[in-house]
Protein backbone atom coordinates (compact mmCIF):
# COMPACT_ATOMS: atom_id res chain seq x y z
CA MET A 1 12.23 -116.51 203.98
CA LEU A 2 13.08 -113.77 206.41
CA VAL A 3 15.35 -116.04 208.39
CA LYS A 4 17.30 -116.87 205.10
CA SER A 5 17.71 -113.13 204.23
CA THR A 6 19.06 -112.21 207.77
CA GLN A 7 21.72 -114.98 207.53
CA ARG A 8 22.91 -113.86 204.21
CA GLY A 9 26.62 -112.81 204.21
CA GLN A 10 27.35 -114.68 207.42
CA ALA A 11 30.06 -116.75 205.92
CA MET A 12 31.84 -113.76 204.47
CA ILE A 13 31.80 -112.09 207.79
CA GLU A 14 33.27 -115.14 209.53
CA TYR A 15 36.02 -115.48 206.74
CA ILE A 16 37.05 -111.84 207.35
CA TYR A 17 37.50 -112.64 211.09
CA VAL A 18 39.52 -115.86 210.44
CA LEU A 19 41.70 -114.57 207.47
CA PRO A 20 44.09 -112.59 209.41
CA ILE A 21 44.74 -115.40 211.93
CA LEU A 22 45.34 -117.83 209.03
CA LEU A 23 47.62 -115.44 207.24
CA LEU A 24 49.75 -114.99 210.42
CA LEU A 25 50.02 -118.78 210.80
CA LEU A 26 51.11 -119.19 207.35
CA LEU A 27 53.72 -116.48 207.58
CA SER A 28 55.00 -117.72 210.84
CA SER A 29 55.35 -121.24 209.43
CA LEU A 30 57.38 -119.86 206.49
CA GLN A 31 59.66 -117.96 208.75
CA PHE A 32 60.30 -120.91 211.07
CA ILE A 33 61.08 -123.07 208.02
CA PHE A 34 63.85 -120.58 207.13
CA ILE A 35 65.05 -120.69 210.64
CA TYR A 36 65.04 -124.40 210.76
CA GLU A 37 67.09 -124.55 207.48
CA ALA A 38 69.61 -122.11 208.95
CA LYS A 39 69.89 -124.15 212.03
CA GLN A 40 70.46 -127.36 210.18
CA THR A 41 73.20 -125.63 208.09
CA LEU A 42 74.72 -124.10 211.24
CA ASN A 43 74.95 -127.62 212.66
CA TYR A 44 76.75 -128.97 209.81
CA ALA A 45 79.23 -125.95 209.50
CA THR A 46 79.88 -126.08 213.17
CA PHE A 47 81.01 -129.82 212.78
CA VAL A 48 82.95 -128.94 209.78
CA GLY A 49 84.75 -126.10 211.56
CA THR A 50 85.46 -128.42 214.55
CA ARG A 51 86.80 -131.14 212.36
CA ALA A 52 89.09 -128.49 210.65
CA GLY A 53 90.26 -127.40 214.08
CA ALA A 54 90.90 -130.89 215.11
CA LEU A 55 93.07 -131.49 212.12
CA ASN A 56 95.14 -128.19 212.75
CA ASN A 57 96.18 -128.11 216.30
CA GLY A 58 92.81 -126.53 217.45
CA SER A 59 93.56 -123.31 215.38
CA MET A 60 90.73 -120.73 215.64
CA ALA A 61 91.60 -119.67 212.11
CA SER A 62 91.08 -123.23 210.75
CA ILE A 63 87.79 -123.43 212.56
CA GLN A 64 86.60 -120.26 211.08
CA ASP A 65 87.70 -121.30 207.58
CA GLY A 66 85.68 -124.60 208.14
CA LEU A 67 82.57 -122.71 209.31
CA ALA A 68 82.70 -120.38 206.32
CA ALA A 69 82.69 -123.45 203.90
CA GLY A 70 79.76 -125.07 205.94
CA LEU A 71 77.77 -121.88 205.94
CA ALA A 72 78.41 -121.06 202.31
CA PRO A 73 75.15 -122.71 201.15
CA LEU A 74 73.09 -120.22 203.07
CA PHE A 75 74.50 -117.42 200.63
CA ALA A 76 75.08 -119.39 197.54
CA HIS A 77 72.24 -118.12 195.34
CA GLN A 78 72.56 -117.68 191.65
CA ILE A 79 71.82 -114.12 190.71
CA GLY A 80 71.20 -113.24 187.03
CA SER A 81 73.77 -114.71 184.67
CA ALA A 82 76.02 -115.77 187.62
CA THR A 83 77.37 -119.24 187.15
CA GLN A 84 77.44 -121.95 189.77
CA LEU A 85 81.13 -121.20 190.60
CA ASP A 86 80.43 -117.58 190.93
CA ALA A 87 77.52 -118.08 193.29
CA LEU A 88 79.68 -120.54 195.32
CA LYS A 89 82.40 -117.87 195.58
CA LEU A 90 80.03 -115.41 196.53
CA GLY A 91 78.50 -117.59 199.22
CA ARG A 92 81.96 -118.31 200.62
CA ARG A 93 82.84 -114.57 200.72
CA THR A 94 79.57 -113.61 202.46
CA ALA A 95 79.99 -116.37 204.90
CA ARG A 96 83.38 -115.11 205.79
CA THR A 97 82.22 -111.61 206.15
CA GLU A 98 79.33 -112.61 208.52
CA LEU A 99 81.53 -114.65 210.57
CA ALA A 100 83.98 -111.81 210.95
CA ASN A 101 81.35 -109.61 212.28
CA PRO A 102 81.14 -109.47 216.13
CA LYS A 103 77.52 -108.28 216.01
CA LEU A 104 76.73 -111.46 214.17
CA THR A 105 78.83 -114.38 215.33
CA LEU A 106 80.34 -115.76 218.43
CA ILE A 107 82.78 -118.73 218.10
CA GLU A 108 83.91 -120.25 221.50
CA ILE A 109 86.34 -123.12 222.13
CA VAL A 110 84.72 -124.75 225.03
CA ASN A 111 87.00 -127.66 225.53
CA PRO A 112 89.82 -128.06 226.23
CA THR A 113 90.21 -124.97 228.48
CA VAL A 114 93.03 -122.56 228.96
CA GLY A 115 93.76 -124.17 232.33
CA ALA A 116 93.84 -127.74 230.81
CA LEU A 117 96.31 -126.61 228.08
CA GLY A 118 98.47 -124.98 230.71
CA SER A 119 98.56 -128.08 232.82
CA PHE A 120 100.09 -130.17 229.98
CA GLY A 121 102.54 -127.50 228.81
CA ASP A 122 102.78 -125.94 225.39
CA GLU A 123 100.49 -128.63 223.82
CA ILE A 124 98.32 -131.48 224.73
CA PRO A 125 99.82 -134.69 223.49
CA ASN A 126 97.70 -136.64 220.97
CA ASP A 127 99.63 -139.95 220.49
CA ASN A 128 99.14 -143.31 222.18
CA LEU A 129 96.17 -141.95 224.07
CA MET A 130 95.03 -145.53 225.08
CA TYR A 131 98.29 -146.09 226.93
CA ARG A 132 98.50 -142.81 228.70
CA ASP A 133 97.70 -142.31 232.32
CA PRO A 134 94.03 -141.49 232.72
CA THR A 135 94.41 -139.79 236.02
CA PRO A 136 92.99 -136.37 235.94
CA SER A 137 95.57 -133.59 235.91
CA TYR A 138 93.53 -130.39 235.92
CA ASP A 139 89.90 -129.71 236.81
CA SER A 140 89.03 -133.32 236.66
CA MET A 141 90.27 -133.58 233.13
CA ASN A 142 92.68 -136.25 231.93
CA VAL A 143 94.56 -136.28 228.68
CA GLN A 144 91.90 -138.35 226.96
CA ASP A 145 89.20 -135.79 227.87
CA ALA A 146 91.56 -132.85 226.82
CA ASN A 147 91.84 -134.41 223.35
CA LEU A 148 88.05 -133.67 222.77
CA LEU A 149 87.59 -130.47 220.92
CA LYS A 150 84.26 -128.85 221.65
CA VAL A 151 83.27 -125.83 219.80
CA ARG A 152 80.09 -123.64 220.36
CA VAL A 153 78.94 -121.24 217.60
CA THR A 154 76.25 -118.63 217.91
CA TYR A 155 75.10 -117.13 214.81
CA CYS A 156 72.42 -114.45 214.05
CA VAL A 157 69.95 -115.69 211.48
CA ARG A 158 68.30 -113.02 209.45
CA LEU A 159 64.39 -112.86 209.70
CA VAL A 160 62.99 -112.10 206.36
CA VAL A 161 59.19 -112.76 206.44
CA PRO A 162 57.18 -109.47 206.81
CA ILE A 163 55.29 -108.81 209.95
CA VAL A 164 56.26 -112.11 211.62
CA LYS A 165 59.91 -110.75 211.71
CA ASN A 166 59.01 -107.75 213.76
CA MET A 167 57.15 -110.02 216.22
CA ILE A 168 59.86 -112.61 216.55
CA PHE A 169 62.63 -110.01 216.93
CA GLY A 170 60.73 -108.10 219.48
CA PHE A 171 60.01 -111.12 221.49
CA ALA A 172 63.40 -112.72 221.32
CA VAL A 173 65.98 -110.07 220.97
CA ALA A 174 64.90 -106.37 221.52
CA PRO A 175 65.23 -104.86 225.11
CA PRO A 176 63.93 -105.17 227.67
CA LEU A 177 63.25 -108.93 226.80
CA THR A 178 65.86 -111.62 227.07
CA VAL A 179 67.80 -113.20 224.38
CA ALA A 180 66.46 -116.72 223.64
CA LYS A 181 68.93 -119.15 221.89
CA ILE A 182 67.74 -122.11 219.93
CA ASP A 183 70.24 -124.56 221.23
CA SER A 184 71.08 -128.07 220.01
CA THR A 185 72.77 -129.39 223.28
CA TYR A 186 71.17 -131.80 225.65
CA SER A 187 71.95 -133.58 228.78
CA GLY A 188 70.97 -137.02 230.29
CA GLY A 189 69.54 -138.25 227.01
CA THR A 190 66.41 -135.83 227.13
CA ILE A 191 66.02 -132.33 225.96
CA ALA A 192 64.56 -130.01 228.47
CA ALA A 193 63.07 -126.62 227.85
CA PRO A 194 66.07 -124.79 229.60
CA GLU A 195 68.48 -126.54 227.18
CA ILE A 196 66.43 -125.56 224.14
CA LEU A 197 65.93 -121.97 224.99
CA LYS A 198 68.87 -120.63 226.87
CA VAL A 199 68.22 -117.21 228.49
CA GLU A 200 71.04 -114.57 228.64
CA THR A 201 71.13 -111.16 230.03
CA PRO A 202 68.66 -108.57 228.60
CA GLY A 203 69.59 -107.34 225.07
CA LEU A 204 71.51 -104.03 224.89
CA LYS A 205 72.48 -101.86 222.05
CA SER A 206 75.84 -103.59 221.85
CA SER A 207 74.40 -107.09 222.20
CA LEU A 208 74.72 -109.78 219.64
CA CYS A 209 72.10 -109.65 216.95
CA TYR A 210 70.81 -106.21 218.07
CA ASP A 211 71.27 -102.74 216.97
CA ASN A 212 69.00 -99.87 217.99
CA ASP A 213 68.69 -98.31 214.43
CA PRO A 214 67.20 -100.59 211.74
CA SER A 215 67.34 -97.82 209.15
CA THR A 216 71.17 -97.65 209.12
CA ASN A 217 72.03 -101.33 210.20
CA PRO A 218 71.56 -104.05 207.53
CA TYR A 219 71.89 -106.68 210.23
CA PHE A 220 68.68 -105.71 211.98
CA TYR A 221 65.85 -108.45 212.58
CA ARG A 222 67.96 -111.41 213.49
CA ILE A 223 67.85 -113.80 216.17
CA PRO A 224 70.83 -115.92 217.65
CA VAL A 225 70.88 -119.66 216.81
CA THR A 226 73.44 -121.87 218.73
CA SER A 227 75.10 -125.08 217.80
CA GLU A 228 77.84 -127.23 219.26
CA ALA A 229 80.07 -130.01 217.94
CA VAL A 230 82.65 -132.39 219.52
CA VAL A 231 85.45 -134.02 217.65
CA ARG A 232 88.49 -135.93 218.84
CA MET A 233 91.80 -134.10 218.23
CA GLN A 234 93.79 -135.76 215.29
CA THR A 235 96.81 -133.40 216.13
CA PRO A 236 98.28 -132.06 219.28
CA PHE A 237 96.19 -129.25 220.79
CA LYS A 238 98.09 -125.93 220.90
CA ASN A 239 97.32 -122.32 221.81
CA PRO A 240 94.44 -121.64 219.13
CA GLY A 241 95.44 -117.90 219.10
CA LEU A 242 91.93 -116.91 220.10
CA TRP A 243 89.56 -118.84 222.36
CA ARG A 244 86.70 -116.59 221.41
CA ALA A 245 86.15 -115.05 217.91
CA PRO A 246 85.83 -112.75 216.19
């Protein structure tokens, strides 16, 4: 009987030890589900934007418009008595606002390059590609390769789960730590760690996704997520106006 009395309450003490760990795991899982949802939406939006650019001479304005349409589901939430159409309009407006903020978004036309466009003149021809000379004309790029529009988009995803958002933000974005991008690119048919987490220069106050004052900055607690898409041009590629935006 003495042994039983000394062991009374042992399970409760063990539960108190384990509970914070279980809670942290649960919150972390929930936050990474939100990040995964945003990543998948960004993948689709990047393809939509690249497709829009391919149909409109590689115009950056068209790429941004397509991106806004693809990202709208992230923000199209029905609030109160708002109708589905109102929610969709709100989502589209919010997406355009986010994409226009240089602290939150970076859109880059990776291919074709400025030099490739210059080597072909005012535009890169898009007709009769199978009959055109495949000899590289600039930087080992022929006219067929120059007709592949590749766009890279880096977007700052908001972290919303309490406690976990501070930990992830402090590890991934805030100085003096480096900025880790969750990337969708791969090479050689395999995905290596450096391809999944691309490390850039240490975050600064003016860096993407970072601001030093969370009390005055509504964009605090975000991490950069990157996606790429490649679409064959359906129109001749011309000067896009901007090669990096906003």
